N, C-alpha and C. Protein backbone atom coordinates (compact mmCIF):
# COMPACT_ATOMS: atom_id res chain seq x y z
N MET A 1 8.16 -71.82 -188.38
CA MET A 1 7.81 -71.37 -189.70
C MET A 1 9.08 -70.91 -190.40
N CYS A 2 9.22 -71.27 -191.66
CA CYS A 2 10.37 -70.86 -192.46
C CYS A 2 9.92 -69.82 -193.47
N LEU A 3 10.77 -68.84 -193.67
CA LEU A 3 10.46 -67.79 -194.63
C LEU A 3 11.51 -67.75 -195.71
N GLY A 4 11.08 -67.59 -196.93
CA GLY A 4 11.97 -67.34 -198.06
C GLY A 4 11.68 -65.94 -198.53
N ILE A 5 12.65 -65.08 -198.50
CA ILE A 5 12.46 -63.68 -198.83
C ILE A 5 13.02 -63.41 -200.23
N PRO A 6 12.22 -62.78 -201.12
CA PRO A 6 12.75 -62.46 -202.45
C PRO A 6 13.66 -61.25 -202.40
N GLY A 7 14.69 -61.28 -203.22
CA GLY A 7 15.61 -60.15 -203.32
C GLY A 7 16.19 -60.07 -204.71
N LYS A 8 16.60 -58.88 -205.09
CA LYS A 8 17.18 -58.64 -206.41
C LYS A 8 18.70 -58.76 -206.33
N VAL A 9 19.28 -59.51 -207.25
CA VAL A 9 20.72 -59.70 -207.28
C VAL A 9 21.36 -58.42 -207.82
N GLU A 10 22.16 -57.79 -206.98
CA GLU A 10 22.85 -56.54 -207.36
C GLU A 10 24.26 -56.80 -207.86
N GLU A 11 24.89 -57.85 -207.36
CA GLU A 11 26.28 -58.15 -207.70
C GLU A 11 26.52 -59.63 -207.49
N ILE A 12 27.32 -60.24 -208.35
CA ILE A 12 27.72 -61.64 -208.20
C ILE A 12 29.24 -61.68 -208.12
N PHE A 13 29.74 -62.49 -207.18
CA PHE A 13 31.18 -62.60 -207.00
C PHE A 13 31.54 -63.96 -206.44
N ASP A 14 32.81 -64.30 -206.52
CA ASP A 14 33.33 -65.55 -205.99
C ASP A 14 33.91 -65.29 -204.61
N GLU A 15 33.57 -66.15 -203.66
CA GLU A 15 34.15 -66.05 -202.32
C GLU A 15 34.53 -67.45 -201.87
N ASN A 16 35.83 -67.68 -201.75
CA ASN A 16 36.35 -68.99 -201.33
C ASN A 16 35.82 -70.12 -202.21
N GLY A 17 35.71 -69.85 -203.51
CA GLY A 17 35.26 -70.87 -204.45
C GLY A 17 33.76 -71.04 -204.55
N LEU A 18 33.00 -70.21 -203.87
CA LEU A 18 31.54 -70.28 -203.91
C LEU A 18 30.96 -69.09 -204.66
N LYS A 19 29.91 -69.33 -205.42
CA LYS A 19 29.19 -68.25 -206.09
C LYS A 19 28.35 -67.52 -205.06
N MET A 20 28.65 -66.23 -204.87
CA MET A 20 27.96 -65.42 -203.86
C MET A 20 27.36 -64.20 -204.55
N GLY A 21 26.47 -63.53 -203.85
CA GLY A 21 25.89 -62.32 -204.40
C GLY A 21 25.45 -61.36 -203.32
N ASN A 22 25.41 -60.09 -203.68
CA ASN A 22 24.78 -59.07 -202.84
C ASN A 22 23.35 -58.95 -203.30
N ILE A 23 22.43 -59.18 -202.36
CA ILE A 23 21.01 -59.25 -202.66
C ILE A 23 20.30 -58.07 -202.01
N ASN A 24 19.47 -57.37 -202.79
CA ASN A 24 18.75 -56.19 -202.32
C ASN A 24 17.32 -56.59 -201.97
N TYR A 25 16.99 -56.44 -200.70
CA TYR A 25 15.64 -56.73 -200.19
C TYR A 25 14.93 -55.42 -199.93
N GLY A 26 14.48 -54.74 -200.97
CA GLY A 26 13.77 -53.49 -200.80
C GLY A 26 14.59 -52.41 -200.12
N GLY A 27 15.87 -52.34 -200.42
CA GLY A 27 16.73 -51.31 -199.85
C GLY A 27 17.76 -51.82 -198.87
N THR A 28 17.57 -53.00 -198.33
CA THR A 28 18.54 -53.61 -197.44
C THR A 28 19.34 -54.64 -198.24
N ILE A 29 20.66 -54.50 -198.24
CA ILE A 29 21.49 -55.41 -199.02
C ILE A 29 22.25 -56.34 -198.09
N ASN A 30 22.14 -57.65 -198.38
CA ASN A 30 22.85 -58.69 -197.64
C ASN A 30 23.50 -59.64 -198.61
N LYS A 31 24.49 -60.34 -198.14
CA LYS A 31 25.20 -61.34 -198.93
C LYS A 31 24.48 -62.68 -198.81
N ALA A 32 24.42 -63.43 -199.93
CA ALA A 32 23.82 -64.76 -199.92
C ALA A 32 24.63 -65.67 -200.85
N CYS A 33 24.59 -66.94 -200.54
CA CYS A 33 25.23 -67.94 -201.39
C CYS A 33 24.29 -68.25 -202.56
N LEU A 34 24.85 -68.28 -203.78
CA LEU A 34 24.04 -68.53 -204.98
C LEU A 34 24.38 -69.87 -205.64
N GLU A 35 25.02 -70.75 -204.91
CA GLU A 35 25.41 -72.05 -205.47
C GLU A 35 24.21 -72.88 -205.91
N TYR A 36 23.05 -72.73 -205.26
CA TYR A 36 21.87 -73.52 -205.63
C TYR A 36 21.14 -72.95 -206.83
N VAL A 37 21.52 -71.76 -207.28
CA VAL A 37 20.93 -71.13 -208.47
C VAL A 37 22.07 -70.66 -209.39
N PRO A 38 22.87 -71.59 -209.89
CA PRO A 38 24.08 -71.22 -210.62
C PRO A 38 23.83 -70.40 -211.89
N GLU A 39 22.65 -70.49 -212.47
CA GLU A 39 22.35 -69.76 -213.70
C GLU A 39 21.85 -68.34 -213.48
N ILE A 40 21.69 -67.92 -212.21
CA ILE A 40 21.16 -66.59 -211.92
C ILE A 40 22.11 -65.50 -212.40
N GLU A 41 21.53 -64.37 -212.80
CA GLU A 41 22.30 -63.24 -213.29
C GLU A 41 21.94 -61.97 -212.52
N VAL A 42 22.83 -61.00 -212.57
CA VAL A 42 22.56 -59.69 -211.96
C VAL A 42 21.26 -59.14 -212.55
N GLY A 43 20.42 -58.61 -211.67
CA GLY A 43 19.13 -58.05 -212.08
C GLY A 43 17.96 -58.99 -211.90
N GLN A 44 18.24 -60.28 -211.74
CA GLN A 44 17.17 -61.25 -211.50
C GLN A 44 16.85 -61.30 -210.01
N TYR A 45 15.72 -61.90 -209.68
CA TYR A 45 15.29 -62.06 -208.29
C TYR A 45 15.45 -63.50 -207.86
N THR A 46 15.84 -63.68 -206.62
CA THR A 46 15.96 -65.01 -206.04
C THR A 46 15.24 -65.03 -204.70
N VAL A 47 14.72 -66.19 -204.34
CA VAL A 47 14.16 -66.38 -203.01
C VAL A 47 15.32 -66.89 -202.15
N VAL A 48 15.58 -66.20 -201.05
CA VAL A 48 16.69 -66.55 -200.16
C VAL A 48 16.13 -67.08 -198.85
N HIS A 49 16.66 -68.22 -198.44
CA HIS A 49 16.30 -68.80 -197.14
C HIS A 49 17.59 -69.20 -196.45
N ALA A 50 17.75 -68.75 -195.23
CA ALA A 50 18.91 -69.10 -194.40
C ALA A 50 20.23 -68.78 -195.10
N GLY A 51 20.24 -67.69 -195.87
CA GLY A 51 21.46 -67.24 -196.50
C GLY A 51 21.79 -67.89 -197.84
N PHE A 52 20.86 -68.70 -198.36
CA PHE A 52 21.07 -69.38 -199.63
C PHE A 52 19.97 -69.01 -200.62
N GLY A 53 20.35 -68.60 -201.83
CA GLY A 53 19.37 -68.45 -202.90
C GLY A 53 18.87 -69.83 -203.27
N ILE A 54 17.54 -70.03 -203.22
CA ILE A 54 17.01 -71.38 -203.46
C ILE A 54 16.18 -71.49 -204.73
N SER A 55 15.80 -70.35 -205.31
CA SER A 55 15.07 -70.38 -206.58
C SER A 55 15.16 -69.01 -207.23
N ILE A 56 14.88 -68.99 -208.52
CA ILE A 56 14.82 -67.74 -209.26
C ILE A 56 13.35 -67.45 -209.54
N ILE A 57 12.93 -66.21 -209.29
CA ILE A 57 11.55 -65.82 -209.57
C ILE A 57 11.57 -64.54 -210.41
N ASP A 58 10.47 -64.29 -211.11
CA ASP A 58 10.41 -63.07 -211.91
C ASP A 58 10.03 -61.88 -211.04
N GLU A 59 10.21 -60.70 -211.58
CA GLU A 59 9.99 -59.47 -210.82
C GLU A 59 8.54 -59.35 -210.34
N ASP A 60 7.57 -59.75 -211.16
CA ASP A 60 6.16 -59.66 -210.76
C ASP A 60 5.90 -60.50 -209.51
N GLU A 61 6.44 -61.70 -209.48
CA GLU A 61 6.25 -62.57 -208.31
C GLU A 61 6.91 -61.97 -207.07
N ALA A 62 8.10 -61.40 -207.25
CA ALA A 62 8.79 -60.76 -206.12
C ALA A 62 7.95 -59.59 -205.58
N MET A 63 7.37 -58.79 -206.47
CA MET A 63 6.57 -57.65 -206.04
C MET A 63 5.31 -58.10 -205.30
N LYS A 64 4.73 -59.22 -205.72
CA LYS A 64 3.55 -59.77 -205.02
C LYS A 64 3.94 -60.15 -203.59
N SER A 65 5.13 -60.71 -203.41
CA SER A 65 5.59 -61.08 -202.07
C SER A 65 5.78 -59.84 -201.21
N TYR A 66 6.40 -58.79 -201.78
CA TYR A 66 6.59 -57.54 -201.03
C TYR A 66 5.24 -56.93 -200.64
N GLU A 67 4.28 -56.97 -201.55
CA GLU A 67 2.94 -56.44 -201.25
C GLU A 67 2.28 -57.22 -200.12
N ALA A 68 2.43 -58.53 -200.13
CA ALA A 68 1.85 -59.36 -199.06
C ALA A 68 2.49 -59.01 -197.72
N TRP A 69 3.83 -58.79 -197.69
CA TRP A 69 4.50 -58.41 -196.45
C TRP A 69 3.98 -57.06 -195.96
N GLU A 70 3.77 -56.13 -196.88
CA GLU A 70 3.24 -54.81 -196.49
C GLU A 70 1.86 -54.94 -195.87
N GLU A 71 1.02 -55.77 -196.46
CA GLU A 71 -0.32 -55.99 -195.91
C GLU A 71 -0.24 -56.58 -194.51
N LEU A 72 0.64 -57.56 -194.32
CA LEU A 72 0.82 -58.15 -192.99
C LEU A 72 1.31 -57.11 -191.99
N ALA A 73 2.28 -56.31 -192.39
CA ALA A 73 2.82 -55.29 -191.50
C ALA A 73 1.74 -54.26 -191.13
N ASP A 74 0.95 -53.85 -192.12
CA ASP A 74 -0.13 -52.89 -191.85
C ASP A 74 -1.16 -53.47 -190.89
N HIS A 75 -1.53 -54.72 -191.12
CA HIS A 75 -2.51 -55.37 -190.24
C HIS A 75 -1.96 -55.50 -188.82
N ALA A 76 -0.71 -55.92 -188.71
CA ALA A 76 -0.10 -56.07 -187.39
C ALA A 76 -0.06 -54.73 -186.67
N ALA A 77 0.30 -53.66 -187.40
CA ALA A 77 0.37 -52.33 -186.79
C ALA A 77 -1.01 -51.88 -186.31
N GLN A 78 -2.04 -52.21 -187.07
CA GLN A 78 -3.40 -51.87 -186.64
C GLN A 78 -3.78 -52.61 -185.36
N GLU A 79 -3.20 -53.77 -185.18
CA GLU A 79 -3.44 -54.56 -183.98
C GLU A 79 -2.48 -54.19 -182.84
N GLY A 80 -1.57 -53.24 -183.12
CA GLY A 80 -0.63 -52.79 -182.09
C GLY A 80 0.59 -53.67 -181.90
N ALA A 81 0.96 -54.40 -182.97
CA ALA A 81 2.11 -55.31 -182.85
C ALA A 81 2.99 -55.19 -184.10
N ASP A 82 4.22 -55.68 -183.97
CA ASP A 82 5.09 -55.76 -185.15
C ASP A 82 4.83 -57.11 -185.82
N LEU A 83 5.60 -57.42 -186.86
CA LEU A 83 5.39 -58.67 -187.60
C LEU A 83 5.70 -59.91 -186.78
N TYR A 84 6.38 -59.74 -185.65
CA TYR A 84 6.72 -60.87 -184.79
C TYR A 84 5.75 -61.02 -183.62
N GLY A 85 4.74 -60.15 -183.58
CA GLY A 85 3.76 -60.21 -182.51
C GLY A 85 4.14 -59.42 -181.28
N ASN A 86 5.27 -58.71 -181.34
CA ASN A 86 5.69 -57.89 -180.20
C ASN A 86 4.88 -56.60 -180.17
N PRO A 87 4.44 -56.18 -179.00
CA PRO A 87 3.67 -54.94 -178.90
C PRO A 87 4.49 -53.74 -179.37
N LEU A 88 3.82 -52.85 -180.10
CA LEU A 88 4.45 -51.61 -180.52
C LEU A 88 4.41 -50.63 -179.36
N GLU A 89 5.50 -49.93 -179.15
CA GLU A 89 5.54 -48.92 -178.11
C GLU A 89 5.02 -47.62 -178.70
N GLU A 90 4.21 -46.95 -177.94
CA GLU A 90 3.70 -45.67 -178.41
C GLU A 90 4.79 -44.62 -178.34
N VAL A 91 4.81 -43.77 -179.35
CA VAL A 91 5.76 -42.66 -179.37
C VAL A 91 5.19 -41.55 -178.50
N LYS A 92 5.98 -41.13 -177.52
CA LYS A 92 5.52 -40.10 -176.60
C LYS A 92 6.25 -38.80 -176.89
N ASP A 93 5.52 -37.72 -176.83
CA ASP A 93 6.14 -36.40 -177.01
C ASP A 93 7.00 -36.09 -175.80
N LYS A 94 8.15 -35.51 -176.06
CA LYS A 94 9.05 -35.17 -174.95
C LYS A 94 8.97 -33.71 -174.64
């Protein structure tokens, strides 16, 4: 399964002749290549897959994706697993 994660472009810069950006995924910032979305601007959202921005989406669509991830995470936690299906370890008092 392939996932494209939406993120907000915080900064755009050139790196070795490539258009790159710092992308904010709900508080986690990672670098991605923006060559496939050359018209993107700071403040816009892009869907990133395998380190490449592959499309530009509006903020409403990005928020819908984040909400869907939250629902999945909540459901998985209710089932005792993380989003990857790994069992959650119970927190024990020391």
